């Protein structure tokens, strides 16, 4: 497992909990990059106009991020 954080349209985030989805995906064996992409895909399936991002970090220090509705999502580790 690990942790995750999300930013973007807060109203949509509260409905679909992408940070929780990313952490659960890592718990089930996905790497952080795939977990973040999975969480964003879940949001965009329901809200294609959504703008936001998810950053995920495993206990081992691996990390990943995914975004939608923006050109890029710079982040620091």
PDB file of N, CA and C in Angstrom:
ATOM      1  N   UNK A   1       0.832  -1.184   0.000  1.00  0.00           N
ATOM      2  CA  UNK A   1       0.000   0.000   0.000  1.00  0.00           C
ATOM      3  C   UNK A   1       0.869   1.237   0.000  1.00  0.00           C
ATOM      4  N   UNK A   2       0.266   2.354   0.324  1.00  0.00           N
ATOM      5  CA  UNK A   2       0.948   3.628   0.362  1.00  0.00           C
ATOM      6  C   UNK A   2      -0.048   4.733   0.615  1.00  0.00           C
ATOM      7  N   UNK A   3       0.139   5.837  -0.049  1.00  0.00           N
ATOM      8  CA  UNK A   3      -0.758   6.977   0.104  1.00  0.00           C
ATOM      9  C   UNK A   3      -1.003   7.634  -1.236  1.00  0.00           C
ATOM     10  N   UNK A   4      -2.030   8.481  -1.272  1.00  0.00           N
ATOM     11  CA  UNK A   4      -2.355   9.196  -2.505  1.00  0.00           C
ATOM     12  C   UNK A   4      -3.008  10.522  -2.152  1.00  0.00           C
ATOM     13  N   UNK A   5      -2.885  11.465  -3.059  1.00  0.00           N
ATOM     14  CA  UNK A   5      -3.522  12.774  -2.917  1.00  0.00           C
ATOM     15  C   UNK A   5      -4.117  13.160  -4.263  1.00  0.00           C
ATOM     16  N   UNK A   6      -5.196  13.915  -4.199  1.00  0.00           N
ATOM     17  CA  UNK A   6      -5.870  14.334  -5.427  1.00  0.00           C
ATOM     18  C   UNK A   6      -6.130  15.831  -5.381  1.00  0.00           C
ATOM     19  N   UNK A   7      -6.180  16.427  -6.568  1.00  0.00           N
ATOM     20  CA  UNK A   7      -6.508  17.841  -6.687  1.00  0.00           C
ATOM     21  C   UNK A   7      -7.403  18.015  -7.903  1.00  0.00           C
ATOM     22  N   UNK A   8      -8.170  19.067  -7.888  1.00  0.00           N
ATOM     23  CA  UNK A   8      -9.058  19.319  -9.018  1.00  0.00           C
ATOM     24  C   UNK A   8     -10.439  19.707  -8.550  1.00  0.00           C
ATOM     25  N   UNK A   9     -11.444  19.287  -9.284  1.00  0.00           N
ATOM     26  CA  UNK A   9     -12.835  19.598  -8.987  1.00  0.00           C
ATOM     27  C   UNK A   9     -13.260  18.859  -7.719  1.00  0.00           C
ATOM     28  N   UNK A  10     -13.275  19.581  -6.599  1.00  0.00           N
ATOM     29  CA  UNK A  10     -13.538  18.967  -5.304  1.00  0.00           C
ATOM     30  C   UNK A  10     -14.884  18.289  -5.196  1.00  0.00           C
ATOM     31  N   UNK A  11     -15.906  18.839  -5.825  1.00  0.00           N
ATOM     32  CA  UNK A  11     -17.237  18.248  -5.759  1.00  0.00           C
ATOM     33  C   UNK A  11     -17.229  16.851  -6.390  1.00  0.00           C
ATOM     34  N   UNK A  12     -16.553  16.718  -7.510  1.00  0.00           N
ATOM     35  CA  UNK A  12     -16.439  15.419  -8.179  1.00  0.00           C
ATOM     36  C   UNK A  12     -15.571  14.479  -7.341  1.00  0.00           C
ATOM     37  N   UNK A  13     -14.491  15.011  -6.784  1.00  0.00           N
ATOM     38  CA  UNK A  13     -13.591  14.194  -5.968  1.00  0.00           C
ATOM     39  C   UNK A  13     -14.324  13.585  -4.767  1.00  0.00           C
ATOM     40  N   UNK A  14     -15.177  14.372  -4.131  1.00  0.00           N
ATOM     41  CA  UNK A  14     -15.909  13.865  -2.969  1.00  0.00           C
ATOM     42  C   UNK A  14     -16.886  12.767  -3.345  1.00  0.00           C
ATOM     43  N   UNK A  15     -17.372  12.781  -4.564  1.00  0.00           N
ATOM     44  CA  UNK A  15     -18.293  11.728  -5.005  1.00  0.00           C
ATOM     45  C   UNK A  15     -17.579  10.417  -5.307  1.00  0.00           C
ATOM     46  N   UNK A  16     -16.374  10.499  -5.879  1.00  0.00           N
ATOM     47  CA  UNK A  16     -15.726   9.288  -6.404  1.00  0.00           C
ATOM     48  C   UNK A  16     -14.442   8.888  -5.676  1.00  0.00           C
ATOM     49  N   UNK A  17     -13.942   9.701  -4.761  1.00  0.00           N
ATOM     50  CA  UNK A  17     -12.810   9.357  -3.895  1.00  0.00           C
ATOM     51  C   UNK A  17     -11.591   8.787  -4.629  1.00  0.00           C
ATOM     52  N   UNK A  18     -11.025   9.515  -5.592  1.00  0.00           N
ATOM     53  CA  UNK A  18      -9.909   8.960  -6.356  1.00  0.00           C
ATOM     54  C   UNK A  18      -8.665   8.639  -5.522  1.00  0.00           C
ATOM     55  N   UNK A  19      -8.405   9.358  -4.444  1.00  0.00           N
ATOM     56  CA  UNK A  19      -7.256   9.016  -3.590  1.00  0.00           C
ATOM     57  C   UNK A  19      -7.456   7.640  -2.970  1.00  0.00           C
ATOM     58  N   UNK A  20      -8.642   7.392  -2.464  1.00  0.00           N
ATOM     59  CA  UNK A  20      -8.964   6.091  -1.889  1.00  0.00           C
ATOM     60  C   UNK A  20      -8.849   4.996  -2.946  1.00  0.00           C
ATOM     61  N   UNK A  21      -9.372   5.268  -4.130  1.00  0.00           N
ATOM     62  CA  UNK A  21      -9.316   4.293  -5.224  1.00  0.00           C
ATOM     63  C   UNK A  21      -7.861   3.950  -5.557  1.00  0.00           C
ATOM     64  N   UNK A  22      -6.994   4.945  -5.596  1.00  0.00           N
ATOM     65  CA  UNK A  22      -5.579   4.704  -5.910  1.00  0.00           C
ATOM     66  C   UNK A  22      -4.911   3.847  -4.831  1.00  0.00           C
ATOM     67  N   UNK A  23      -5.172   4.150  -3.573  1.00  0.00           N
ATOM     68  CA  UNK A  23      -4.570   3.362  -2.486  1.00  0.00           C
ATOM     69  C   UNK A  23      -5.097   1.920  -2.515  1.00  0.00           C
ATOM     70  N   UNK A  24      -6.374   1.756  -2.743  1.00  0.00           N
ATOM     71  CA  UNK A  24      -6.931   0.401  -2.839  1.00  0.00           C
ATOM     72  C   UNK A  24      -6.331  -0.365  -4.022  1.00  0.00           C
ATOM     73  N   UNK A  25      -6.098   0.322  -5.130  1.00  0.00           N
ATOM     74  CA  UNK A  25      -5.483  -0.323  -6.295  1.00  0.00           C
ATOM     75  C   UNK A  25      -4.065  -0.786  -5.959  1.00  0.00           C
ATOM     76  N   UNK A  26      -3.323   0.032  -5.216  1.00  0.00           N
ATOM     77  CA  UNK A  26      -1.974  -0.388  -4.800  1.00  0.00           C
ATOM     78  C   UNK A  26      -2.060  -1.565  -3.831  1.00  0.00           C
ATOM     79  N   UNK A  27      -3.046  -1.571  -2.962  1.00  0.00           N
ATOM     80  CA  UNK A  27      -3.233  -2.684  -2.030  1.00  0.00           C
ATOM     81  C   UNK A  27      -3.481  -3.987  -2.786  1.00  0.00           C
ATOM     82  N   UNK A  28      -4.107  -3.875  -3.940  1.00  0.00           N
ATOM     83  CA  UNK A  28      -4.393  -5.051  -4.753  1.00  0.00           C
ATOM     84  C   UNK A  28      -3.249  -5.400  -5.710  1.00  0.00           C
ATOM     85  N   UNK A  29      -2.139  -4.660  -5.639  1.00  0.00           N
ATOM     86  CA  UNK A  29      -0.957  -5.029  -6.397  1.00  0.00           C
ATOM     87  C   UNK A  29      -0.551  -4.119  -7.540  1.00  0.00           C
ATOM     88  N   UNK A  30      -1.338  -3.111  -7.870  1.00  0.00           N
ATOM     89  CA  UNK A  30      -0.948  -2.197  -8.947  1.00  0.00           C
ATOM     90  C   UNK A  30       0.203  -1.306  -8.489  1.00  0.00           C
ATOM     91  N   UNK A  31       1.083  -0.955  -9.410  1.00  0.00           N
ATOM     92  CA  UNK A  31       2.129  -0.002  -9.076  1.00  0.00           C
ATOM     93  C   UNK A  31       1.492   1.397  -8.991  1.00  0.00           C
ATOM     94  N   UNK A  32       2.159   2.362  -8.353  1.00  0.00           N
ATOM     95  CA  UNK A  32       1.566   3.685  -8.149  1.00  0.00           C
ATOM     96  C   UNK A  32       1.132   4.386  -9.436  1.00  0.00           C
ATOM     97  N   UNK A  33       1.889   4.235 -10.513  1.00  0.00           N
ATOM     98  CA  UNK A  33       1.512   4.882 -11.773  1.00  0.00           C
ATOM     99  C   UNK A  33       0.187   4.337 -12.295  1.00  0.00           C
ATOM    100  N   UNK A  34       0.070   3.022 -12.312  1.00  0.00           N
ATOM    101  CA  UNK A  34      -1.169   2.398 -12.779  1.00  0.00           C
ATOM    102  C   UNK A  34      -2.332   2.696 -11.825  1.00  0.00           C
ATOM    103  N   UNK A  35      -2.047   2.759 -10.542  1.00  0.00           N
ATOM    104  CA  UNK A  35      -3.090   3.072  -9.565  1.00  0.00           C
ATOM    105  C   UNK A  35      -3.633   4.480  -9.785  1.00  0.00           C
ATOM    106  N   UNK A  36      -2.745   5.441 -10.024  1.00  0.00           N
ATOM    107  CA  UNK A  36      -3.175   6.826 -10.287  1.00  0.00           C
ATOM    108  C   UNK A  36      -3.983   6.895 -11.575  1.00  0.00           C
ATOM    109  N   UNK A  37      -3.525   6.215 -12.611  1.00  0.00           N
ATOM    110  CA  UNK A  37      -4.259   6.207 -13.878  1.00  0.00           C
ATOM    111  C   UNK A  37      -5.627   5.564 -13.716  1.00  0.00           C
ATOM    112  N   UNK A  38      -5.702   4.504 -12.939  1.00  0.00           N
ATOM    113  CA  UNK A  38      -6.965   3.819 -12.694  1.00  0.00           C
ATOM    114  C   UNK A  38      -7.949   4.745 -11.973  1.00  0.00           C
ATOM    115  N   UNK A  39      -7.468   5.486 -11.002  1.00  0.00           N
ATOM    116  CA  UNK A  39      -8.321   6.405 -10.246  1.00  0.00           C
ATOM    117  C   UNK A  39      -8.846   7.524 -11.141  1.00  0.00           C
ATOM    118  N   UNK A  40      -7.983   8.082 -11.979  1.00  0.00           N
ATOM    119  CA  UNK A  40      -8.415   9.151 -12.893  1.00  0.00           C
ATOM    120  C   UNK A  40      -9.407   8.594 -13.918  1.00  0.00           C
ATOM    121  N   UNK A  41      -9.165   7.390 -14.406  1.00  0.00           N
ATOM    122  CA  UNK A  41     -10.082   6.785 -15.382  1.00  0.00           C
ATOM    123  C   UNK A  41     -11.472   6.585 -14.780  1.00  0.00           C
ATOM    124  N   UNK A  42     -11.526   6.210 -13.522  1.00  0.00           N
ATOM    125  CA  UNK A  42     -12.820   6.034 -12.860  1.00  0.00           C
ATOM    126  C   UNK A  42     -13.599   7.348 -12.826  1.00  0.00           C
ATOM    127  N   UNK A  43     -12.892   8.451 -12.579  1.00  0.00           N
ATOM    128  CA  UNK A  43     -13.551   9.761 -12.547  1.00  0.00           C
ATOM    129  C   UNK A  43     -13.997  10.164 -13.952  1.00  0.00           C
ATOM    130  N   UNK A  44     -13.110  10.039 -14.926  1.00  0.00           N
ATOM    131  CA  UNK A  44     -13.438  10.513 -16.274  1.00  0.00           C
ATOM    132  C   UNK A  44     -14.504   9.661 -16.961  1.00  0.00           C
ATOM    133  N   UNK A  45     -14.669   8.413 -16.517  1.00  0.00           N
ATOM    134  CA  UNK A  45     -15.768   7.602 -17.055  1.00  0.00           C
ATOM    135  C   UNK A  45     -17.121   8.240 -16.752  1.00  0.00           C
ATOM    136  N   UNK A  46     -17.237   8.827 -15.576  1.00  0.00           N
ATOM    137  CA  UNK A  46     -18.499   9.451 -15.161  1.00  0.00           C
ATOM    138  C   UNK A  46     -18.565  10.944 -15.500  1.00  0.00           C
ATOM    139  N   UNK A  47     -17.406  11.618 -15.460  1.00  0.00           N
ATOM    140  CA  UNK A  47     -17.333  13.063 -15.682  1.00  0.00           C
ATOM    141  C   UNK A  47     -16.240  13.375 -16.711  1.00  0.00           C
ATOM    142  N   UNK A  48     -16.515  13.234 -17.996  1.00  0.00           N
ATOM    143  CA  UNK A  48     -15.487  13.430 -19.025  1.00  0.00           C
ATOM    144  C   UNK A  48     -14.927  14.849 -19.077  1.00  0.00           C
ATOM    145  N   UNK A  49     -15.638  15.827 -18.568  1.00  0.00           N
ATOM    146  CA  UNK A  49     -15.155  17.212 -18.572  1.00  0.00           C
ATOM    147  C   UNK A  49     -14.339  17.545 -17.323  1.00  0.00           C
ATOM    148  N   UNK A  50     -14.131  16.566 -16.461  1.00  0.00           N
ATOM    149  CA  UNK A  50     -13.395  16.727 -15.215  1.00  0.00           C
ATOM    150  C   UNK A  50     -11.977  17.236 -15.460  1.00  0.00           C
ATOM    151  N   UNK A  51     -11.498  18.049 -14.550  1.00  0.00           N
ATOM    152  CA  UNK A  51     -10.109  18.514 -14.577  1.00  0.00           C
ATOM    153  C   UNK A  51      -9.495  18.248 -13.210  1.00  0.00           C
ATOM    154  N   UNK A  52      -8.450  17.429 -13.185  1.00  0.00           N
ATOM    155  CA  UNK A  52      -7.809  17.121 -11.911  1.00  0.00           C
ATOM    156  C   UNK A  52      -6.672  16.137 -12.066  1.00  0.00           C
ATOM    157  N   UNK A  53      -6.083  15.760 -10.923  1.00  0.00           N
ATOM    158  CA  UNK A  53      -4.925  14.870 -10.937  1.00  0.00           C
ATOM    159  C   UNK A  53      -4.856  14.060  -9.644  1.00  0.00           C
ATOM    160  N   UNK A  54      -4.132  12.944  -9.724  1.00  0.00           N
ATOM    161  CA  UNK A  54      -3.868  12.084  -8.573  1.00  0.00           C
ATOM    162  C   UNK A  54      -2.384  11.771  -8.544  1.00  0.00           C
ATOM    163  N   UNK A  55      -1.787  11.834  -7.354  1.00  0.00           N
ATOM    164  CA  UNK A  55      -0.400  11.425  -7.129  1.00  0.00           C
ATOM    165  C   UNK A  55      -0.447  10.265  -6.148  1.00  0.00           C
ATOM    166  N   UNK A  56       0.289   9.194  -6.434  1.00  0.00           N
ATOM    167  CA  UNK A  56       0.313   8.018  -5.562  1.00  0.00           C
ATOM    168  C   UNK A  56       1.755   7.654  -5.223  1.00  0.00           C
ATOM    169  N   UNK A  57       1.956   7.165  -4.005  1.00  0.00           N
ATOM    170  CA  UNK A  57       3.287   6.801  -3.507  1.00  0.00           C
ATOM    171  C   UNK A  57       3.176   5.495  -2.732  1.00  0.00           C
ATOM    172  N   UNK A  58       4.046   4.545  -3.074  1.00  0.00           N
ATOM    173  CA  UNK A  58       4.034   3.267  -2.364  1.00  0.00           C
ATOM    174  C   UNK A  58       4.918   3.350  -1.121  1.00  0.00           C
ATOM    175  N   UNK A  59       4.780   2.375  -0.235  1.00  0.00           N
ATOM    176  CA  UNK A  59       5.637   2.313   0.961  1.00  0.00           C
ATOM    177  C   UNK A  59       7.109   2.167   0.587  1.00  0.00           C
ATOM    178  N   UNK A  60       7.356   1.576  -0.562  1.00  0.00           N
ATOM    179  CA  UNK A  60       8.734   1.353  -1.004  1.00  0.00           C
ATOM    180  C   UNK A  60       9.342   2.582  -1.665  1.00  0.00           C
ATOM    181  N   UNK A  61       8.576   3.639  -1.826  1.00  0.00           N
ATOM    182  CA  UNK A  61       9.096   4.867  -2.417  1.00  0.00           C
ATOM    183  C   UNK A  61       8.835   5.017  -3.908  1.00  0.00           C
ATOM    184  N   UNK A  62       8.146   4.063  -4.509  1.00  0.00           N
ATOM    185  CA  UNK A  62       7.778   4.207  -5.919  1.00  0.00           C
ATOM    186  C   UNK A  62       6.622   5.192  -6.012  1.00  0.00           C
ATOM    187  N   UNK A  63       6.548   5.910  -7.104  1.00  0.00           N
ATOM    188  CA  UNK A  63       5.508   6.929  -7.230  1.00  0.00           C
ATOM    189  C   UNK A  63       4.983   7.001  -8.654  1.00  0.00           C
ATOM    190  N   UNK A  64       3.834   7.636  -8.796  1.00  0.00           N
ATOM    191  CA  UNK A  64       3.230   7.848 -10.101  1.00  0.00           C
ATOM    192  C   UNK A  64       2.174   8.927  -9.998  1.00  0.00           C
ATOM    193  N   UNK A  65       1.804   9.476 -11.126  1.00  0.00           N
ATOM    194  CA  UNK A  65       0.775  10.515 -11.168  1.00  0.00           C
ATOM    195  C   UNK A  65       0.023  10.421 -12.485  1.00  0.00           C
ATOM    196  N   UNK A  66      -1.204  10.871 -12.450  1.00  0.00           N
ATOM    197  CA  UNK A  66      -2.031  10.917 -13.652  1.00  0.00           C
ATOM    198  C   UNK A  66      -2.917  12.147 -13.565  1.00  0.00           C
ATOM    199  N   UNK A  67      -3.225  12.724 -14.733  1.00  0.00           N
ATOM    200  CA  UNK A  67      -4.099  13.894 -14.752  1.00  0.00           C
ATOM    201  C   UNK A  67      -5.049  13.817 -15.938  1.00  0.00           C
ATOM    202  N   UNK A  68      -6.056  14.652 -15.885  1.00  0.00           N
ATOM    203  CA  UNK A  68      -7.029  14.751 -16.973  1.00  0.00           C
ATOM    204  C   UNK A  68      -7.511  16.193 -17.030  1.00  0.00           C
ATOM    205  N   UNK A  69      -7.704  16.699 -18.224  1.00  0.00           N
ATOM    206  CA  UNK A  69      -8.222  18.051 -18.394  1.00  0.00           C
ATOM    207  C   UNK A  69      -7.181  19.139 -18.238  1.00  0.00           C
ATOM    208  N   UNK A  70      -5.921  18.752 -18.217  1.00  0.00           N
ATOM    209  CA  UNK A  70      -4.822  19.718 -18.166  1.00  0.00           C
ATOM    210  C   UNK A  70      -3.664  19.155 -18.986  1.00  0.00           C
ATOM    211  N   UNK A  71      -2.862  20.053 -19.511  1.00  0.00           N
ATOM    212  CA  UNK A  71      -1.776  19.625 -20.385  1.00  0.00           C
ATOM    213  C   UNK A  71      -0.754  18.753 -19.671  1.00  0.00           C
ATOM    214  N   UNK A  72      -0.413  19.134 -18.442  1.00  0.00           N
ATOM    215  CA  UNK A  72       0.532  18.349 -17.646  1.00  0.00           C
ATOM    216  C   UNK A  72       0.252  18.607 -16.183  1.00  0.00           C
ATOM    217  N   UNK A  73       0.845  17.790 -15.341  1.00  0.00           N
ATOM    218  CA  UNK A  73       0.696  17.957 -13.895  1.00  0.00           C
ATOM    219  C   UNK A  73       2.072  17.804 -13.261  1.00  0.00           C
ATOM    220  N   UNK A  74       2.810  18.911 -13.140  1.00  0.00           N
ATOM    221  CA  UNK A  74       4.133  18.812 -12.506  1.00  0.00           C
ATOM    222  C   UNK A  74       3.989  18.574 -11.012  1.00  0.00           C
ATOM    223  N   UNK A  75       4.856  17.710 -10.466  1.00  0.00           N
ATOM    224  CA  UNK A  75       4.847  17.443  -9.032  1.00  0.00           C
ATOM    225  C   UNK A  75       6.260  17.112  -8.603  1.00  0.00           C
ATOM    226  N   UNK A  76       6.509  17.181  -7.306  1.00  0.00           N
ATOM    227  CA  UNK A  76       7.830  16.879  -6.736  1.00  0.00           C
ATOM    228  C   UNK A  76       7.722  15.698  -5.791  1.00  0.00           C
ATOM    229  N   UNK A  77       8.794  14.914  -5.749  1.00  0.00           N
ATOM    230  CA  UNK A  77       8.856  13.776  -4.822  1.00  0.00           C
ATOM    231  C   UNK A  77      10.041  13.998  -3.923  1.00  0.00           C
TER     232      UNK A  77
END
